[in-house]
C-alpha atoms as a PDB file:
ATOM      1  CA  MET A   1       9.450 -77.134 -34.135  1.00  0.00           C
ATOM      2  CA  LEU A   2      12.050 -79.282 -33.357  1.00  0.00           C
ATOM      3  CA  GLN A   3      14.586 -77.605 -35.759  1.00  0.00           C
ATOM      4  CA  HIS A   4      14.545 -74.282 -33.606  1.00  0.00           C
ATOM      5  CA  PHE A   5      16.444 -76.743 -31.110  1.00  0.00           C
ATOM      6  CA  ALA A   6      19.585 -77.044 -33.305  1.00  0.00           C
ATOM      7  CA  PHE A   7      22.496 -75.693 -30.712  1.00  0.00           C
ATOM      8  CA  ALA A   8      25.528 -73.901 -32.026  1.00  0.00           C
ATOM      9  CA  PRO A   9      28.325 -74.259 -29.335  1.00  0.00           C
ATOM     10  CA  LEU A  10      30.360 -71.114 -30.281  1.00  0.00           C
ATOM     11  CA  PRO A  11      27.376 -69.131 -29.379  1.00  0.00           C
ATOM     12  CA  ILE A  12      26.614 -70.818 -26.198  1.00  0.00           C
ATOM     13  CA  LEU A  13      30.042 -70.696 -25.103  1.00  0.00           C
ATOM     14  CA  ALA A  14      30.693 -67.142 -25.944  1.00  0.00           C
ATOM     15  CA  ALA A  15      27.346 -65.882 -24.096  1.00  0.00           C
ATOM     16  CA  THR A  16      28.200 -68.154 -20.987  1.00  0.00           C
ATOM     17  CA  LEU A  17      31.492 -66.466 -20.944  1.00  0.00           C
ATOM     18  CA  LEU A  18      29.530 -63.321 -20.888  1.00  0.00           C
ATOM     19  CA  VAL A  19      27.955 -64.361 -18.062  1.00  0.00           C
ATOM     20  CA  VAL A  20      30.769 -65.282 -16.130  1.00  0.00           C
ATOM     21  CA  VAL A  21      32.145 -61.886 -16.425  1.00  0.00           C
ATOM     22  CA  LEU A  22      28.897 -60.141 -15.618  1.00  0.00           C
ATOM     23  CA  ASN A  23      28.594 -62.129 -12.491  1.00  0.00           C
ATOM     24  CA  ALA A  24      32.079 -61.696 -11.214  1.00  0.00           C
ATOM     25  CA  ALA A  25      31.916 -57.804 -11.712  1.00  0.00           C
ATOM     26  CA  TRP A  26      28.264 -57.277 -10.448  1.00  0.00           C
ATOM     27  CA  TYR A  27      28.971 -59.040  -7.139  1.00  0.00           C
ATOM     28  CA  ALA A  28      32.576 -58.021  -7.032  1.00  0.00           C
ATOM     29  CA  PRO A  29      33.265 -55.805  -3.787  1.00  0.00           C
ATOM     30  CA  PHE A  30      33.905 -52.966  -5.715  1.00  0.00           C
ATOM     31  CA  ALA A  31      30.421 -53.218  -7.221  1.00  0.00           C
ATOM     32  CA  PHE A  32      27.560 -54.299  -5.304  1.00  0.00           C
ATOM     33  CA  GLY A  33      29.191 -57.384  -3.663  1.00  0.00           C
ATOM     34  CA  LYS A  34      29.582 -55.725   0.054  1.00  0.00           C
ATOM     35  CA  ILE A  35      25.980 -54.484  -0.554  1.00  0.00           C
ATOM     36  CA  TRP A  36      24.469 -57.934  -1.322  1.00  0.00           C
ATOM     37  CA  LEU A  37      26.612 -59.725   1.280  1.00  0.00           C
ATOM     38  CA  ARG A  38      25.235 -56.854   4.123  1.00  0.00           C
ATOM     39  CA  TYR A  39      21.664 -57.761   3.196  1.00  0.00           C
ATOM     40  CA  HIS A  40      22.268 -61.732   3.592  1.00  0.00           C
ATOM     41  CA  GLN A  41      23.997 -61.285   6.310  1.00  0.00           C
ATOM     42  CA  ARG A  42      21.256 -59.291   7.820  1.00  0.00           C
ATOM     43  CA  LEU A  43      18.875 -61.690   6.900  1.00  0.00           C
ATOM     44  CA  LYS A  44      20.649 -64.540   9.038  1.00  0.00           C
ATOM     45  CA  LYS A  45      20.606 -66.851   6.017  1.00  0.00           C
ATOM     46  CA  LYS A  46      23.412 -69.261   5.586  1.00  0.00           C
ATOM     47  CA  LEU A  47      25.072 -68.429   2.240  1.00  0.00           C
ATOM     48  CA  PRO A  48      25.537 -71.343  -0.065  1.00  0.00           C
ATOM     49  CA  GLU A  49      28.921 -73.127  -0.348  1.00  0.00           C
ATOM     50  CA  ALA A  50      30.442 -71.034  -3.477  1.00  0.00           C
ATOM     51  CA  LYS A  51      31.592 -74.126  -5.308  1.00  0.00           C
ATOM     52  CA  LEU A  52      28.343 -75.674  -5.728  1.00  0.00           C
ATOM     53  CA  SER A  53      26.912 -72.407  -6.221  1.00  0.00           C
ATOM     54  CA  ILE A  54      28.795 -71.474  -9.397  1.00  0.00           C
ATOM     55  CA  VAL A  55      28.296 -74.525 -10.476  1.00  0.00           C
ATOM     56  CA  PHE A  56      24.708 -74.757 -10.423  1.00  0.00           C
ATOM     57  CA  THR A  57      24.886 -71.118 -11.529  1.00  0.00           C
ATOM     58  CA  LEU A  58      26.550 -71.992 -14.409  1.00  0.00           C
ATOM     59  CA  CYS A  59      24.723 -75.162 -15.515  1.00  0.00           C
ATOM     60  CA  SER A  60      21.249 -73.136 -15.303  1.00  0.00           C
ATOM     61  CA  GLN A  61      22.784 -70.288 -17.486  1.00  0.00           C
ATOM     62  CA  ILE A  62      23.769 -72.521 -20.140  1.00  0.00           C
ATOM     63  CA  LEU A  63      20.497 -74.326 -20.069  1.00  0.00           C
ATOM     64  CA  THR A  64      18.833 -70.919 -20.201  1.00  0.00           C
ATOM     65  CA  LEU A  65      20.887 -69.618 -23.340  1.00  0.00           C
ATOM     66  CA  CYS A  66      19.870 -72.935 -25.030  1.00  0.00           C
ATOM     67  CA  MET A  67      16.239 -72.212 -24.616  1.00  0.00           C
ATOM     68  CA  VAL A  68      16.890 -68.372 -25.682  1.00  0.00           C
ATOM     69  CA  SER A  69      18.708 -69.475 -28.465  1.00  0.00           C
ATOM     70  CA  ALA A  70      15.925 -71.642 -29.475  1.00  0.00           C
ATOM     71  CA  LEU A  71      13.679 -69.042 -29.055  1.00  0.00           C
ATOM     72  CA  GLN A  72      15.800 -66.582 -31.213  1.00  0.00           C
ATOM     73  CA  ASN A  73      15.962 -69.258 -33.905  1.00  0.00           C
ATOM     74  CA  GLY A  74      12.287 -69.511 -34.233  1.00  0.00           C
ATOM     75  CA  LEU A  75      11.472 -65.662 -34.373  1.00  0.00           C
ATOM     76  CA  GLY A  76      14.211 -65.265 -36.776  1.00  0.00           C
ATOM     77  CA  ILE A  77      16.224 -62.951 -34.317  1.00  0.00           C
ATOM     78  CA  THR A  78      19.538 -62.058 -36.023  1.00  0.00           C
ATOM     79  CA  THR A  79      20.918 -58.912 -34.546  1.00  0.00           C
ATOM     80  CA  PHE A  80      22.602 -57.938 -31.486  1.00  0.00           C
ATOM     81  CA  ASN A  81      19.870 -55.316 -30.869  1.00  0.00           C
ATOM     82  CA  GLU A  82      16.917 -57.564 -31.366  1.00  0.00           C
ATOM     83  CA  GLY A  83      18.603 -60.083 -28.981  1.00  0.00           C
ATOM     84  CA  VAL A  84      19.217 -57.502 -26.350  1.00  0.00           C
ATOM     85  CA  LEU A  85      15.306 -56.273 -26.370  1.00  0.00           C
ATOM     86  CA  LEU A  86      14.184 -60.243 -26.527  1.00  0.00           C
ATOM     87  CA  GLY A  87      16.747 -60.633 -23.379  1.00  0.00           C
ATOM     88  CA  PHE A  88      14.986 -57.575 -21.678  1.00  0.00           C
ATOM     89  CA  ILE A  89      11.272 -58.503 -22.561  1.00  0.00           C
ATOM     90  CA  LEU A  90      11.833 -62.058 -21.036  1.00  0.00           C
ATOM     91  CA  GLY A  91      13.450 -60.735 -18.143  1.00  0.00           C
ATOM     92  CA  LEU A  92      10.851 -58.240 -17.292  1.00  0.00           C
ATOM     93  CA  GLY A  93       8.049 -60.787 -18.250  1.00  0.00           C
ATOM     94  CA  LEU A  94       9.425 -63.959 -16.766  1.00  0.00           C
ATOM     95  CA  ILE A  95      12.190 -63.442 -14.299  1.00  0.00           C
ATOM     96  CA  GLY A  96      10.676 -60.300 -12.724  1.00  0.00           C
ATOM     97  CA  PRO A  97       7.414 -61.550 -11.563  1.00  0.00           C
ATOM     98  CA  PHE A  98       8.654 -64.834 -10.651  1.00  0.00           C
ATOM     99  CA  SER A  99      11.296 -62.986  -8.639  1.00  0.00           C
ATOM    100  CA  ALA A 100       9.332 -60.490  -7.129  1.00  0.00           C
ATOM    101  CA  ALA A 101       6.685 -63.268  -5.729  1.00  0.00           C
ATOM    102  CA  ASN A 102       9.597 -65.022  -4.358  1.00  0.00           C
ATOM    103  CA  ALA A 103      11.061 -61.657  -2.499  1.00  0.00           C
ATOM    104  CA  ILE A 104       7.386 -61.324  -1.077  1.00  0.00           C
ATOM    105  CA  TYR A 105       6.898 -64.634   0.122  1.00  0.00           C
ATOM    106  CA  PHE A 106      10.377 -64.592   1.644  1.00  0.00           C
ATOM    107  CA  GLY A 107      10.291 -61.309   3.101  1.00  0.00           C
ATOM    108  CA  LEU A 108      13.297 -60.073   1.252  1.00  0.00           C
ATOM    109  CA  PRO A 109      14.031 -56.348   1.395  1.00  0.00           C
ATOM    110  CA  LEU A 110      13.267 -54.381  -1.728  1.00  0.00           C
ATOM    111  CA  GLN A 111      16.769 -53.063  -2.179  1.00  0.00           C
ATOM    112  CA  LEU A 112      17.960 -56.789  -2.560  1.00  0.00           C
ATOM    113  CA  TRP A 113      15.488 -58.054  -4.751  1.00  0.00           C
ATOM    114  CA  GLY A 114      16.301 -54.955  -6.751  1.00  0.00           C
ATOM    115  CA  LEU A 115      19.800 -55.671  -6.831  1.00  0.00           C
ATOM    116  CA  ASP A 116      19.336 -59.290  -7.949  1.00  0.00           C
ATOM    117  CA  PHE A 117      16.436 -58.646 -10.357  1.00  0.00           C
ATOM    118  CA  SER A 118      18.510 -55.721 -12.085  1.00  0.00           C
ATOM    119  CA  HIS A 119      21.548 -58.128 -12.494  1.00  0.00           C
ATOM    120  CA  HIS A 120      19.407 -60.904 -13.807  1.00  0.00           C
ATOM    121  CA  LEU A 121      17.836 -58.467 -16.429  1.00  0.00           C
ATOM    122  CA  LEU A 122      21.521 -57.249 -17.605  1.00  0.00           C
ATOM    123  CA  VAL A 123      22.543 -60.351 -18.086  1.00  0.00           C
ATOM    124  CA  LEU A 124      19.767 -61.834 -19.672  1.00  0.00           C
ATOM    125  CA  ALA A 125      19.518 -58.817 -22.096  1.00  0.00           C
ATOM    126  CA  PHE A 126      23.409 -58.880 -23.048  1.00  0.00           C
ATOM    127  CA  SER A 127      23.748 -62.640 -23.348  1.00  0.00           C
ATOM    128  CA  SER A 128      20.866 -62.706 -25.692  1.00  0.00           C
ATOM    129  CA  GLY A 129      22.337 -60.230 -27.748  1.00  0.00           C
ATOM    130  CA  VAL A 130      25.416 -62.014 -27.900  1.00  0.00           C
ATOM    131  CA  LEU A 131      23.579 -65.345 -28.957  1.00  0.00           C
ATOM    132  CA  ALA A 132      21.631 -63.276 -31.491  1.00  0.00           C
ATOM    133  CA  ALA A 133      24.912 -61.489 -33.077  1.00  0.00           C
ATOM    134  CA  PHE A 134      26.035 -64.881 -33.721  1.00  0.00           C
ATOM    135  CA  HIS A 135      23.342 -65.725 -36.303  1.00  0.00           C
END
């Protein structure tokens, strides 16, 4: 089983760069950034320091991509389309329920949860596809 945890740095780097680009585009003012910020200001919550948030997000994405890569190795996923499908399934089955439970617990608006969840689903699906395409 441990043989699946042999990581190739180039696919992880390529998928991480895709995540950075998708994050920047999704939350940019011309996309959904203004809507996202409006919801958070309405909730009167202090937004995290941008630098710390960016570093933490990048580290968590790298860890997630390493785990997805290991899962792909174990399942024999080797094409972009298979990778996208795996990422989509993981997003629906893992991220969706956990994030929905948090949104309900904290009383977040459904629209804010949908905006964040659809972003996570898109990022996980396409970064998983990039990882698989390198096999």
